[in-house]
Amino acid sequence: MLGVGIDVVEIDRFRRALERTPSLRTRLFTNEELATMVGKRDDASSLAARFAAREATMKVLGVGLGAFDMHDVSIERKDSGQPVLRVTGRAQVLAQQQGITNWHVSLSHTDSVAVAVVAAA
């Protein structure tokens, strides 16, 4: 294990940010991630968990906002539903510099908070 990061996001606060700034969706999330939200009545909890995964990845890499583009980290799903962390661009370069070759992610949420845990090996 080379690192672990965790982040928690308040869903209502995140929902309000999305409502206040609609362009936030495309600035933060990939087209593929947004496509998985189509048909959901309320996607705030799922998007909050994905945002938490980006923040947790920053913690693993020891960097803050601006170190890589938000689209450099995204969540995909296996056919089983298991989330998979996809790391590209500058985030991938940072990971390679630290010897990180494998990522693990876990996402969860309640009615009020979303959480992500990211582990790197």
PDB file of N, CA and C in Angstrom:
ATOM      1  N   MET A   1       0.843  -1.173   0.000  1.00  0.00           N
ATOM      2  CA  MET A   1       0.000   0.000   0.000  1.00  0.00           C
ATOM      3  C   MET A   1       0.891   1.240   0.000  1.00  0.00           C
ATOM      4  N   LEU A   2       0.626   2.123  -0.951  1.00  0.00           N
ATOM      5  CA  LEU A   2       1.414   3.355  -1.046  1.00  0.00           C
ATOM      6  C   LEU A   2       0.663   4.566  -0.515  1.00  0.00           C
ATOM      7  N   GLY A   3      -0.640   4.450  -0.379  1.00  0.00           N
ATOM      8  CA  GLY A   3      -1.394   5.578   0.148  1.00  0.00           C
ATOM      9  C   GLY A   3      -2.872   5.276   0.257  1.00  0.00           C
ATOM     10  N   VAL A   4      -3.526   6.028   1.127  1.00  0.00           N
ATOM     11  CA  VAL A   4      -4.973   5.924   1.278  1.00  0.00           C
ATOM     12  C   VAL A   4      -5.525   7.326   1.517  1.00  0.00           C
ATOM     13  N   GLY A   5      -6.684   7.592   0.942  1.00  0.00           N
ATOM     14  CA  GLY A   5      -7.336   8.886   1.129  1.00  0.00           C
ATOM     15  C   GLY A   5      -8.816   8.678   1.343  1.00  0.00           C
ATOM     16  N   ILE A   6      -9.417   9.562   2.108  1.00  0.00           N
ATOM     17  CA  ILE A   6     -10.853   9.499   2.356  1.00  0.00           C
ATOM     18  C   ILE A   6     -11.407  10.914   2.276  1.00  0.00           C
ATOM     19  N   ASP A   7     -12.620  11.034   1.771  1.00  0.00           N
ATOM     20  CA  ASP A   7     -13.266  12.336   1.733  1.00  0.00           C
ATOM     21  C   ASP A   7     -14.761  12.159   1.925  1.00  0.00           C
ATOM     22  N   VAL A   8     -15.374  13.127   2.591  1.00  0.00           N
ATOM     23  CA  VAL A   8     -16.812  13.130   2.857  1.00  0.00           C
ATOM     24  C   VAL A   8     -17.396  14.426   2.314  1.00  0.00           C
ATOM     25  N   VAL A   9     -18.535  14.316   1.624  1.00  0.00           N
ATOM     26  CA  VAL A   9     -19.200  15.479   1.039  1.00  0.00           C
ATOM     27  C   VAL A   9     -20.638  15.536   1.547  1.00  0.00           C
ATOM     28  N   GLU A  10     -21.049  16.711   1.999  1.00  0.00           N
ATOM     29  CA  GLU A  10     -22.440  16.916   2.407  1.00  0.00           C
ATOM     30  C   GLU A  10     -23.294  17.030   1.147  1.00  0.00           C
ATOM     31  N   ILE A  11     -24.241  16.119   0.997  1.00  0.00           N
ATOM     32  CA  ILE A  11     -25.013  16.027  -0.242  1.00  0.00           C
ATOM     33  C   ILE A  11     -25.856  17.272  -0.498  1.00  0.00           C
ATOM     34  N   ASP A  12     -26.571  17.780   0.499  1.00  0.00           N
ATOM     35  CA  ASP A  12     -27.405  18.969   0.273  1.00  0.00           C
ATOM     36  C   ASP A  12     -26.570  20.174  -0.137  1.00  0.00           C
ATOM     37  N   ARG A  13     -25.427  20.348   0.480  1.00  0.00           N
ATOM     38  CA  ARG A  13     -24.533  21.451   0.120  1.00  0.00           C
ATOM     39  C   ARG A  13     -24.045  21.287  -1.322  1.00  0.00           C
ATOM     40  N   PHE A  14     -23.703  20.050  -1.689  1.00  0.00           N
ATOM     41  CA  PHE A  14     -23.241  19.773  -3.042  1.00  0.00           C
ATOM     42  C   PHE A  14     -24.379  20.006  -4.047  1.00  0.00           C
ATOM     43  N   ARG A  15     -25.597  19.569  -3.709  1.00  0.00           N
ATOM     44  CA  ARG A  15     -26.766  19.776  -4.565  1.00  0.00           C
ATOM     45  C   ARG A  15     -26.981  21.268  -4.815  1.00  0.00           C
ATOM     46  N   ARG A  16     -26.882  22.064  -3.753  1.00  0.00           N
ATOM     47  CA  ARG A  16     -27.059  23.516  -3.914  1.00  0.00           C
ATOM     48  C   ARG A  16     -25.987  24.110  -4.826  1.00  0.00           C
ATOM     49  N   ALA A  17     -24.757  23.646  -4.714  1.00  0.00           N
ATOM     50  CA  ALA A  17     -23.680  24.133  -5.584  1.00  0.00           C
ATOM     51  C   ALA A  17     -23.985  23.789  -7.042  1.00  0.00           C
ATOM     52  N   LEU A  18     -24.492  22.586  -7.299  1.00  0.00           N
ATOM     53  CA  LEU A  18     -24.853  22.194  -8.656  1.00  0.00           C
ATOM     54  C   LEU A  18     -26.003  23.043  -9.196  1.00  0.00           C
ATOM     55  N   GLU A  19     -26.961  23.368  -8.340  1.00  0.00           N
ATOM     56  CA  GLU A  19     -28.096  24.197  -8.761  1.00  0.00           C
ATOM     57  C   GLU A  19     -27.662  25.635  -9.025  1.00  0.00           C
ATOM     58  N   ARG A  20     -26.776  26.147  -8.177  1.00  0.00           N
ATOM     59  CA  ARG A  20     -26.286  27.523  -8.295  1.00  0.00           C
ATOM     60  C   ARG A  20     -25.412  27.709  -9.534  1.00  0.00           C
ATOM     61  N   THR A  21     -24.625  26.682  -9.843  1.00  0.00           N
ATOM     62  CA  THR A  21     -23.665  26.756 -10.948  1.00  0.00           C
ATOM     63  C   THR A  21     -23.827  25.520 -11.833  1.00  0.00           C
ATOM     64  N   PRO A  22     -24.775  25.539 -12.763  1.00  0.00           N
ATOM     65  CA  PRO A  22     -25.033  24.363 -13.603  1.00  0.00           C
ATOM     66  C   PRO A  22     -23.805  23.872 -14.383  1.00  0.00           C
ATOM     67  N   SER A  23     -22.900  24.774 -14.743  1.00  0.00           N
ATOM     68  CA  SER A  23     -21.708  24.369 -15.498  1.00  0.00           C
ATOM     69  C   SER A  23     -20.757  23.517 -14.658  1.00  0.00           C
ATOM     70  N   LEU A  24     -20.984  23.466 -13.357  1.00  0.00           N
ATOM     71  CA  LEU A  24     -20.148  22.661 -12.472  1.00  0.00           C
ATOM     72  C   LEU A  24     -20.167  21.189 -12.882  1.00  0.00           C
ATOM     73  N   ARG A  25     -21.305  20.714 -13.351  1.00  0.00           N
ATOM     74  CA  ARG A  25     -21.427  19.307 -13.769  1.00  0.00           C
ATOM     75  C   ARG A  25     -20.386  18.943 -14.815  1.00  0.00           C
ATOM     76  N   THR A  26     -20.290  19.777 -15.856  1.00  0.00           N
ATOM     77  CA  THR A  26     -19.359  19.442 -16.937  1.00  0.00           C
ATOM     78  C   THR A  26     -17.917  19.797 -16.585  1.00  0.00           C
ATOM     79  N   ARG A  27     -17.732  20.723 -15.658  1.00  0.00           N
ATOM     80  CA  ARG A  27     -16.373  21.041 -15.212  1.00  0.00           C
ATOM     81  C   ARG A  27     -15.796  19.942 -14.330  1.00  0.00           C
ATOM     82  N   LEU A  28     -16.651  19.301 -13.542  1.00  0.00           N
ATOM     83  CA  LEU A  28     -16.187  18.294 -12.587  1.00  0.00           C
ATOM     84  C   LEU A  28     -16.222  16.868 -13.109  1.00  0.00           C
ATOM     85  N   PHE A  29     -17.202  16.557 -13.942  1.00  0.00           N
ATOM     86  CA  PHE A  29     -17.463  15.164 -14.301  1.00  0.00           C
ATOM     87  C   PHE A  29     -17.315  14.917 -15.793  1.00  0.00           C
ATOM     88  N   THR A  30     -16.869  13.714 -16.128  1.00  0.00           N
ATOM     89  CA  THR A  30     -16.700  13.344 -17.532  1.00  0.00           C
ATOM     90  C   THR A  30     -18.066  13.096 -18.177  1.00  0.00           C
ATOM     91  N   ASN A  31     -18.094  13.128 -19.492  1.00  0.00           N
ATOM     92  CA  ASN A  31     -19.334  12.835 -20.220  1.00  0.00           C
ATOM     93  C   ASN A  31     -19.828  11.433 -19.892  1.00  0.00           C
ATOM     94  N   GLU A  32     -18.898  10.494 -19.731  1.00  0.00           N
ATOM     95  CA  GLU A  32     -19.275   9.116 -19.403  1.00  0.00           C
ATOM     96  C   GLU A  32     -19.944   9.045 -18.032  1.00  0.00           C
ATOM     97  N   GLU A  33     -19.404   9.769 -17.063  1.00  0.00           N
ATOM     98  CA  GLU A  33     -20.018   9.772 -15.732  1.00  0.00           C
ATOM     99  C   GLU A  33     -21.413  10.391 -15.788  1.00  0.00           C
ATOM    100  N   LEU A  34     -21.532  11.503 -16.493  1.00  0.00           N
ATOM    101  CA  LEU A  34     -22.829  12.178 -16.588  1.00  0.00           C
ATOM    102  C   LEU A  34     -23.855  11.316 -17.322  1.00  0.00           C
ATOM    103  N   ALA A  35     -23.405  10.534 -18.297  1.00  0.00           N
ATOM    104  CA  ALA A  35     -24.314   9.652 -19.033  1.00  0.00           C
ATOM    105  C   ALA A  35     -24.927   8.593 -18.112  1.00  0.00           C
ATOM    106  N   THR A  36     -24.176   8.177 -17.089  1.00  0.00           N
ATOM    107  CA  THR A  36     -24.717   7.171 -16.163  1.00  0.00           C
ATOM    108  C   THR A  36     -25.780   7.759 -15.238  1.00  0.00           C
ATOM    109  N   MET A  37     -25.895   9.080 -15.227  1.00  0.00           N
ATOM    110  CA  MET A  37     -26.880   9.745 -14.365  1.00  0.00           C
ATOM    111  C   MET A  37     -28.221   9.963 -15.074  1.00  0.00           C
ATOM    112  N   VAL A  38     -28.251   9.780 -16.386  1.00  0.00           N
ATOM    113  CA  VAL A  38     -29.464  10.008 -17.158  1.00  0.00           C
ATOM    114  C   VAL A  38     -30.582   9.122 -16.627  1.00  0.00           C
ATOM    115  N   GLY A  39     -31.724   9.730 -16.382  1.00  0.00           N
ATOM    116  CA  GLY A  39     -32.875   9.001 -15.876  1.00  0.00           C
ATOM    117  C   GLY A  39     -32.997   8.973 -14.370  1.00  0.00           C
ATOM    118  N   LYS A  40     -31.942   9.390 -13.665  1.00  0.00           N
ATOM    119  CA  LYS A  40     -32.025   9.455 -12.203  1.00  0.00           C
ATOM    120  C   LYS A  40     -32.822  10.691 -11.809  1.00  0.00           C
ATOM    121  N   ARG A  41     -33.732  10.526 -10.894  1.00  0.00           N
ATOM    122  CA  ARG A  41     -34.526  11.659 -10.429  1.00  0.00           C
ATOM    123  C   ARG A  41     -33.658  12.660  -9.680  1.00  0.00           C
ATOM    124  N   ASP A  42     -32.745  12.144  -8.861  1.00  0.00           N
ATOM    125  CA  ASP A  42     -31.843  13.004  -8.101  1.00  0.00           C
ATOM    126  C   ASP A  42     -30.451  12.376  -8.126  1.00  0.00           C
ATOM    127  N   ASP A  43     -29.537  13.011  -8.853  1.00  0.00           N
ATOM    128  CA  ASP A  43     -28.203  12.453  -9.002  1.00  0.00           C
ATOM    129  C   ASP A  43     -27.181  13.068  -8.048  1.00  0.00           C
ATOM    130  N   ALA A  44     -27.628  13.942  -7.157  1.00  0.00           N
ATOM    131  CA  ALA A  44     -26.699  14.663  -6.279  1.00  0.00           C
ATOM    132  C   ALA A  44     -25.870  13.722  -5.407  1.00  0.00           C
ATOM    133  N   SER A  45     -26.466  12.672  -4.865  1.00  0.00           N
ATOM    134  CA  SER A  45     -25.707  11.778  -3.983  1.00  0.00           C
ATOM    135  C   SER A  45     -24.648  11.009  -4.767  1.00  0.00           C
ATOM    136  N   SER A  46     -24.985  10.548  -5.963  1.00  0.00           N
ATOM    137  CA  SER A  46     -24.011   9.824  -6.791  1.00  0.00           C
ATOM    138  C   SER A  46     -22.878  10.737  -7.236  1.00  0.00           C
ATOM    139  N   LEU A  47     -23.216  11.960  -7.632  1.00  0.00           N
ATOM    140  CA  LEU A  47     -22.182  12.900  -8.059  1.00  0.00           C
ATOM    141  C   LEU A  47     -21.323  13.339  -6.876  1.00  0.00           C
ATOM    142  N   ALA A  48     -21.929  13.505  -5.721  1.00  0.00           N
ATOM    143  CA  ALA A  48     -21.159  13.880  -4.524  1.00  0.00           C
ATOM    144  C   ALA A  48     -20.140  12.793  -4.187  1.00  0.00           C
ATOM    145  N   ALA A  49     -20.527  11.533  -4.322  1.00  0.00           N
ATOM    146  CA  ALA A  49     -19.596  10.431  -4.049  1.00  0.00           C
ATOM    147  C   ALA A  49     -18.445  10.444  -5.056  1.00  0.00           C
ATOM    148  N   ARG A  50     -18.752  10.739  -6.302  1.00  0.00           N
ATOM    149  CA  ARG A  50     -17.704  10.806  -7.326  1.00  0.00           C
ATOM    150  C   ARG A  50     -16.765  11.992  -7.080  1.00  0.00           C
ATOM    151  N   PHE A  51     -17.324  13.110  -6.624  1.00  0.00           N
ATOM    152  CA  PHE A  51     -16.481  14.249  -6.269  1.00  0.00           C
ATOM    153  C   PHE A  51     -15.588  13.887  -5.086  1.00  0.00           C
ATOM    154  N   ALA A  52     -16.147  13.194  -4.103  1.00  0.00           N
ATOM    155  CA  ALA A  52     -15.355  12.758  -2.947  1.00  0.00           C
ATOM    156  C   ALA A  52     -14.201  11.858  -3.389  1.00  0.00           C
ATOM    157  N   ALA A  53     -14.414  11.043  -4.413  1.00  0.00           N
ATOM    158  CA  ALA A  53     -13.340  10.179  -4.923  1.00  0.00           C
ATOM    159  C   ALA A  53     -12.197  11.008  -5.496  1.00  0.00           C
ATOM    160  N   ARG A  54     -12.524  12.112  -6.156  1.00  0.00           N
ATOM    161  CA  ARG A  54     -11.479  12.994  -6.686  1.00  0.00           C
ATOM    162  C   ARG A  54     -10.668  13.608  -5.545  1.00  0.00           C
ATOM    163  N   GLU A  55     -11.374  14.075  -4.532  1.00  0.00           N
ATOM    164  CA  GLU A  55     -10.707  14.676  -3.368  1.00  0.00           C
ATOM    165  C   GLU A  55      -9.849  13.632  -2.634  1.00  0.00           C
ATOM    166  N   ALA A  56     -10.365  12.428  -2.484  1.00  0.00           N
ATOM    167  CA  ALA A  56      -9.608  11.372  -1.812  1.00  0.00           C
ATOM    168  C   ALA A  56      -8.360  11.011  -2.628  1.00  0.00           C
ATOM    169  N   THR A  57      -8.463  11.047  -3.952  1.00  0.00           N
ATOM    170  CA  THR A  57      -7.311  10.779  -4.808  1.00  0.00           C
ATOM    171  C   THR A  57      -6.246  11.851  -4.625  1.00  0.00           C
ATOM    172  N   MET A  58      -6.673  13.114  -4.503  1.00  0.00           N
ATOM    173  CA  MET A  58      -5.717  14.196  -4.235  1.00  0.00           C
ATOM    174  C   MET A  58      -4.967  13.934  -2.937  1.00  0.00           C
ATOM    175  N   LYS A  59      -5.678  13.458  -1.931  1.00  0.00           N
ATOM    176  CA  LYS A  59      -5.048  13.175  -0.643  1.00  0.00           C
ATOM    177  C   LYS A  59      -4.027  12.054  -0.772  1.00  0.00           C
ATOM    178  N   VAL A  60      -4.357  11.018  -1.543  1.00  0.00           N
ATOM    179  CA  VAL A  60      -3.397   9.936  -1.760  1.00  0.00           C
ATOM    180  C   VAL A  60      -2.134  10.471  -2.414  1.00  0.00           C
ATOM    181  N   LEU A  61      -2.320  11.355  -3.397  1.00  0.00           N
ATOM    182  CA  LEU A  61      -1.181  11.889  -4.147  1.00  0.00           C
ATOM    183  C   LEU A  61      -0.468  13.020  -3.411  1.00  0.00           C
ATOM    184  N   GLY A  62      -1.044  13.493  -2.318  1.00  0.00           N
ATOM    185  CA  GLY A  62      -0.416  14.558  -1.534  1.00  0.00           C
ATOM    186  C   GLY A  62      -0.477  15.915  -2.210  1.00  0.00           C
ATOM    187  N   VAL A  63      -1.547  16.141  -2.984  1.00  0.00           N
ATOM    188  CA  VAL A  63      -1.698  17.407  -3.703  1.00  0.00           C
ATOM    189  C   VAL A  63      -3.063  18.020  -3.400  1.00  0.00           C
ATOM    190  N   GLY A  64      -3.231  19.262  -3.818  1.00  0.00           N
ATOM    191  CA  GLY A  64      -4.496  19.949  -3.625  1.00  0.00           C
ATOM    192  C   GLY A  64      -5.157  20.290  -4.948  1.00  0.00           C
ATOM    193  N   LEU A  65      -6.231  21.056  -4.855  1.00  0.00           N
ATOM    194  CA  LEU A  65      -6.948  21.491  -6.051  1.00  0.00           C
ATOM    195  C   LEU A  65      -5.998  22.172  -7.023  1.00  0.00           C
ATOM    196  N   GLY A  66      -6.173  21.882  -8.292  1.00  0.00           N
ATOM    197  CA  GLY A  66      -5.356  22.503  -9.321  1.00  0.00           C
ATOM    198  C   GLY A  66      -4.155  21.678  -9.743  1.00  0.00           C
ATOM    199  N   ALA A  67      -3.825  20.640  -8.986  1.00  0.00           N
ATOM    200  CA  ALA A  67      -2.674  19.805  -9.337  1.00  0.00           C
ATOM    201  C   ALA A  67      -2.954  18.978 -10.590  1.00  0.00           C
ATOM    202  N   PHE A  68      -4.220  18.664 -10.807  1.00  0.00           N
ATOM    203  CA  PHE A  68      -4.633  17.962 -12.021  1.00  0.00           C
ATOM    204  C   PHE A  68      -6.053  18.368 -12.354  1.00  0.00           C
ATOM    205  N   ASP A  69      -6.433  18.136 -13.598  1.00  0.00           N
ATOM    206  CA  ASP A  69      -7.777  18.458 -14.066  1.00  0.00           C
ATOM    207  C   ASP A  69      -8.777  17.494 -13.431  1.00  0.00           C
ATOM    208  N   MET A  70      -9.948  17.988 -13.087  1.00  0.00           N
ATOM    209  CA  MET A  70     -10.956  17.125 -12.454  1.00  0.00           C
ATOM    210  C   MET A  70     -11.333  15.944 -13.342  1.00  0.00           C
ATOM    211  N   HIS A  71     -11.236  16.090 -14.650  1.00  0.00           N
ATOM    212  CA  HIS A  71     -11.548  14.988 -15.561  1.00  0.00           C
ATOM    213  C   HIS A  71     -10.442  13.938 -15.586  1.00  0.00           C
ATOM    214  N   ASP A  72      -9.299  14.227 -14.967  1.00  0.00           N
ATOM    215  CA  ASP A  72      -8.204  13.258 -14.907  1.00  0.00           C
ATOM    216  C   ASP A  72      -8.518  12.092 -13.973  1.00  0.00           C
ATOM    217  N   VAL A  73      -9.507  12.262 -13.121  1.00  0.00           N
ATOM    218  CA  VAL A  73      -9.943  11.198 -12.214  1.00  0.00           C
ATOM    219  C   VAL A  73     -11.441  11.020 -12.427  1.00  0.00           C
ATOM    220  N   SER A  74     -11.849   9.791 -12.651  1.00  0.00           N
ATOM    221  CA  SER A  74     -13.273   9.531 -12.857  1.00  0.00           C
ATOM    222  C   SER A  74     -13.625   8.145 -12.332  1.00  0.00           C
ATOM    223  N   ILE A  75     -14.923   7.910 -12.252  1.00  0.00           N
ATOM    224  CA  ILE A  75     -15.422   6.624 -11.773  1.00  0.00           C
ATOM    225  C   ILE A  75     -16.120   5.911 -12.926  1.00  0.00           C
ATOM    226  N   GLU A  76     -15.716   4.680 -13.146  1.00  0.00           N
ATOM    227  CA  GLU A  76     -16.395   3.794 -14.087  1.00  0.00           C
ATOM    228  C   GLU A  76     -16.977   2.653 -13.265  1.00  0.00           C
ATOM    229  N   ARG A  77     -17.824   1.870 -13.872  1.00  0.00           N
ATOM    230  CA  ARG A  77     -18.418   0.724 -13.174  1.00  0.00           C
ATOM    231  C   ARG A  77     -18.223  -0.543 -13.984  1.00  0.00           C
ATOM    232  N   LYS A  78     -17.848  -1.605 -13.288  1.00  0.00           N
ATOM    233  CA  LYS A  78     -17.800  -2.922 -13.923  1.00  0.00           C
ATOM    234  C   LYS A  78     -19.236  -3.394 -14.123  1.00  0.00           C
ATOM    235  N   ASP A  79     -19.418  -4.426 -14.914  1.00  0.00           N
ATOM    236  CA  ASP A  79     -20.758  -4.987 -15.127  1.00  0.00           C
ATOM    237  C   ASP A  79     -21.401  -5.401 -13.805  1.00  0.00           C
ATOM    238  N   SER A  80     -20.571  -5.769 -12.833  1.00  0.00           N
ATOM    239  CA  SER A  80     -21.066  -6.189 -11.519  1.00  0.00           C
ATOM    240  C   SER A  80     -21.573  -5.006 -10.691  1.00  0.00           C
ATOM    241  N   GLY A  81     -21.232  -3.779 -11.139  1.00  0.00           N
ATOM    242  CA  GLY A  81     -21.597  -2.589 -10.379  1.00  0.00           C
ATOM    243  C   GLY A  81     -20.458  -2.039  -9.545  1.00  0.00           C
ATOM    244  N   GLN A  82     -19.375  -2.802  -9.432  1.00  0.00           N
ATOM    245  CA  GLN A  82     -18.214  -2.360  -8.653  1.00  0.00           C
ATOM    246  C   GLN A  82     -17.623  -1.097  -9.270  1.00  0.00           C
ATOM    247  N   PRO A  83     -17.383  -0.068  -8.443  1.00  0.00           N
ATOM    248  CA  PRO A  83     -16.757   1.144  -8.988  1.00  0.00           C
ATOM    249  C   PRO A  83     -15.269   0.920  -9.258  1.00  0.00           C
ATOM    250  N   VAL A  84     -14.791   1.572 -10.299  1.00  0.00           N
ATOM    251  CA  VAL A  84     -13.388   1.497 -10.684  1.00  0.00           C
ATOM    252  C   VAL A  84     -12.886   2.928 -10.842  1.00  0.00           C
ATOM    253  N   LEU A  85     -11.747   3.225 -10.240  1.00  0.00           N
ATOM    254  CA  LEU A  85     -11.149   4.552 -10.352  1.00  0.00           C
ATOM    255  C   LEU A  85     -10.307   4.600 -11.624  1.00  0.00           C
ATOM    256  N   ARG A  86     -10.592   5.567 -12.473  1.00  0.00           N
ATOM    257  CA  ARG A  86      -9.813   5.765 -13.696  1.00  0.00           C
ATOM    258  C   ARG A  86      -8.962   7.011 -13.501  1.00  0.00           C
ATOM    259  N   VAL A  87      -7.653   6.881 -13.676  1.00  0.00           N
ATOM    260  CA  VAL A  87      -6.720   7.980 -13.475  1.00  0.00           C
ATOM    261  C   VAL A  87      -5.956   8.202 -14.779  1.00  0.00           C
ATOM    262  N   THR A  88      -6.006   9.439 -15.287  1.00  0.00           N
ATOM    263  CA  THR A  88      -5.365   9.780 -16.552  1.00  0.00           C
ATOM    264  C   THR A  88      -4.646  11.125 -16.412  1.00  0.00           C
ATOM    265  N   GLY A  89      -4.055  11.597 -17.487  1.00  0.00           N
ATOM    266  CA  GLY A  89      -3.481  12.940 -17.547  1.00  0.00           C
ATOM    267  C   GLY A  89      -2.457  13.218 -16.469  1.00  0.00           C
ATOM    268  N   ARG A  90      -2.517  14.450 -15.928  1.00  0.00           N
ATOM    269  CA  ARG A  90      -1.544  14.862 -14.904  1.00  0.00           C
ATOM    270  C   ARG A  90      -1.652  14.023 -13.639  1.00  0.00           C
ATOM    271  N   ALA A  91      -2.864  13.564 -13.300  1.00  0.00           N
ATOM    272  CA  ALA A  91      -3.020  12.709 -12.118  1.00  0.00           C
ATOM    273  C   ALA A  91      -2.260  11.401 -12.309  1.00  0.00           C
ATOM    274  N   GLN A  92      -2.295  10.864 -13.516  1.00  0.00           N
ATOM    275  CA  GLN A  92      -1.565   9.634 -13.810  1.00  0.00           C
ATOM    276  C   GLN A  92      -0.056   9.868 -13.733  1.00  0.00           C
ATOM    277  N   VAL A  93       0.405  11.004 -14.220  1.00  0.00           N
ATOM    278  CA  VAL A  93       1.836  11.327 -14.145  1.00  0.00           C
ATOM    279  C   VAL A  93       2.272  11.410 -12.686  1.00  0.00           C
ATOM    280  N   LEU A  94       1.490  12.072 -11.855  1.00  0.00           N
ATOM    281  CA  LEU A  94       1.804  12.167 -10.424  1.00  0.00           C
ATOM    282  C   LEU A  94       1.848  10.776  -9.792  1.00  0.00           C
ATOM    283  N   ALA A  95       0.892   9.940 -10.158  1.00  0.00           N
ATOM    284  CA  ALA A  95       0.854   8.576  -9.615  1.00  0.00           C
ATOM    285  C   ALA A  95       2.094   7.789 -10.040  1.00  0.00           C
ATOM    286  N   GLN A  96       2.463   7.902 -11.303  1.00  0.00           N
ATOM    287  CA  GLN A  96       3.641   7.182 -11.796  1.00  0.00           C
ATOM    288  C   GLN A  96       4.898   7.637 -11.076  1.00  0.00           C
ATOM    289  N   GLN A  97       5.012   8.936 -10.804  1.00  0.00           N
ATOM    290  CA  GLN A  97       6.175   9.464 -10.089  1.00  0.00           C
ATOM    291  C   GLN A  97       6.288   8.878  -8.684  1.00  0.00           C
ATOM    292  N   GLN A  98       5.143   8.470  -8.126  1.00  0.00           N
ATOM    293  CA  GLN A  98       5.135   7.895  -6.782  1.00  0.00           C
ATOM    294  C   GLN A  98       5.114   6.368  -6.800  1.00  0.00           C
ATOM    295  N   GLY A  99       5.194   5.788  -7.985  1.00  0.00           N
ATOM    296  CA  GLY A  99       5.222   4.337  -8.095  1.00  0.00           C
ATOM    297  C   GLY A  99       3.862   3.673  -7.967  1.00  0.00           C
ATOM    298  N   ILE A 100       2.797   4.425  -8.110  1.00  0.00           N
ATOM    299  CA  ILE A 100       1.442   3.875  -7.978  1.00  0.00           C
ATOM    300  C   ILE A 100       1.035   3.238  -9.304  1.00  0.00           C
ATOM    301  N   THR A 101       0.649   1.979  -9.238  1.00  0.00           N
ATOM    302  CA  THR A 101       0.208   1.263 -10.435  1.00  0.00           C
ATOM    303  C   THR A 101      -1.202   0.702 -10.308  1.00  0.00           C
ATOM    304  N   ASN A 102      -1.708   0.614  -9.084  1.00  0.00           N
ATOM    305  CA  ASN A 102      -3.053   0.058  -8.850  1.00  0.00           C
ATOM    306  C   ASN A 102      -3.862   0.975  -7.954  1.00  0.00           C
ATOM    307  N   TRP A 103      -5.131   1.096  -8.276  1.00  0.00           N
ATOM    308  CA  TRP A 103      -6.053   1.921  -7.490  1.00  0.00           C
ATOM    309  C   TRP A 103      -7.241   1.076  -7.036  1.00  0.00           C
ATOM    310  N   HIS A 104      -7.747   1.386  -5.871  1.00  0.00           N
ATOM    311  CA  HIS A 104      -8.967   0.765  -5.348  1.00  0.00           C
ATOM    312  C   HIS A 104      -9.844   1.889  -4.818  1.00  0.00           C
ATOM    313  N   VAL A 105     -11.150   1.790  -5.036  1.00  0.00           N
ATOM    314  CA  VAL A 105     -12.065   2.831  -4.580  1.00  0.00           C
ATOM    315  C   VAL A 105     -13.331   2.195  -4.016  1.00  0.00           C
ATOM    316  N   SER A 106     -13.847   2.829  -2.986  1.00  0.00           N
ATOM    317  CA  SER A 106     -15.130   2.443  -2.415  1.00  0.00           C
ATOM    318  C   SER A 106     -15.943   3.713  -2.228  1.00  0.00           C
ATOM    319  N   LEU A 107     -17.194   3.674  -2.682  1.00  0.00           N
ATOM    320  CA  LEU A 107     -18.100   4.819  -2.577  1.00  0.00           C
ATOM    321  C   LEU A 107     -19.323   4.418  -1.777  1.00  0.00           C
ATOM    322  N   SER A 108     -19.843   5.353  -1.003  1.00  0.00           N
ATOM    323  CA  SER A 108     -21.069   5.098  -0.254  1.00  0.00           C
ATOM    324  C   SER A 108     -21.743   6.424   0.055  1.00  0.00           C
ATOM    325  N   HIS A 109     -23.035   6.357   0.362  1.00  0.00           N
ATOM    326  CA  HIS A 109     -23.730   7.573   0.793  1.00  0.00           C
ATOM    327  C   HIS A 109     -24.956   7.222   1.623  1.00  0.00           C
ATOM    328  N   THR A 110     -25.319   8.171   2.456  1.00  0.00           N
ATOM    329  CA  THR A 110     -26.561   8.121   3.204  1.00  0.00           C
ATOM    330  C   THR A 110     -27.449   9.217   2.616  1.00  0.00           C
ATOM    331  N   ASP A 111     -28.507   9.583   3.314  1.00  0.00           N
ATOM    332  CA  ASP A 111     -29.336  10.690   2.849  1.00  0.00           C
ATOM    333  C   ASP A 111     -28.596  12.018   2.935  1.00  0.00           C
ATOM    334  N   SER A 112     -27.606  12.111   3.817  1.00  0.00           N
ATOM    335  CA  SER A 112     -26.979  13.413   4.049  1.00  0.00           C
ATOM    336  C   SER A 112     -25.523  13.535   3.624  1.00  0.00           C
ATOM    337  N   VAL A 113     -24.770  12.428   3.582  1.00  0.00           N
ATOM    338  CA  VAL A 113     -23.356  12.517   3.222  1.00  0.00           C
ATOM    339  C   VAL A 113     -22.974  11.433   2.220  1.00  0.00           C
ATOM    340  N   ALA A 114     -21.966  11.774   1.404  1.00  0.00           N
ATOM    341  CA  ALA A 114     -21.355  10.812   0.486  1.00  0.00           C
ATOM    342  C   ALA A 114     -19.899  10.677   0.907  1.00  0.00           C
ATOM    343  N   VAL A 115     -19.370   9.474   0.792  1.00  0.00           N
ATOM    344  CA  VAL A 115     -17.997   9.223   1.208  1.00  0.00           C
ATOM    345  C   VAL A 115     -17.281   8.391   0.146  1.00  0.00           C
ATOM    346  N   ALA A 116     -15.987   8.651   0.010  1.00  0.00           N
ATOM    347  CA  ALA A 116     -15.157   7.848  -0.883  1.00  0.00           C
ATOM    348  C   ALA A 116     -13.854   7.526  -0.163  1.00  0.00           C
ATOM    349  N   VAL A 117     -13.410   6.294  -0.339  1.00  0.00           N
ATOM    350  CA  VAL A 117     -12.109   5.860   0.155  1.00  0.00           C
ATOM    351  C   VAL A 117     -11.320   5.396  -1.064  1.00  0.00           C
ATOM    352  N   VAL A 118     -10.110   5.914  -1.198  1.00  0.00           N
ATOM    353  CA  VAL A 118      -9.238   5.547  -2.320  1.00  0.00           C
ATOM    354  C   VAL A 118      -7.949   5.002  -1.749  1.00  0.00           C
ATOM    355  N   ALA A 119      -7.540   3.843  -2.253  1.00  0.00           N
ATOM    356  CA  ALA A 119      -6.275   3.246  -1.841  1.00  0.00           C
ATOM    357  C   ALA A 119      -5.399   3.065  -3.082  1.00  0.00           C
ATOM    358  N   ALA A 120      -4.116   3.286  -2.911  1.00  0.00           N
ATOM    359  CA  ALA A 120      -3.169   3.162  -4.015  1.00  0.00           C
ATOM    360  C   ALA A 120      -2.078   2.163  -3.647  1.00  0.00           C
ATOM    361  N   ALA A 121      -1.699   1.377  -4.636  1.00  0.00           N
ATOM    362  CA  ALA A 121      -0.641   0.378  -4.423  1.00  0.00           C
ATOM    363  C   ALA A 121       0.324   0.425  -5.598  1.00  0.00           C
TER     364      ALA A 121
END
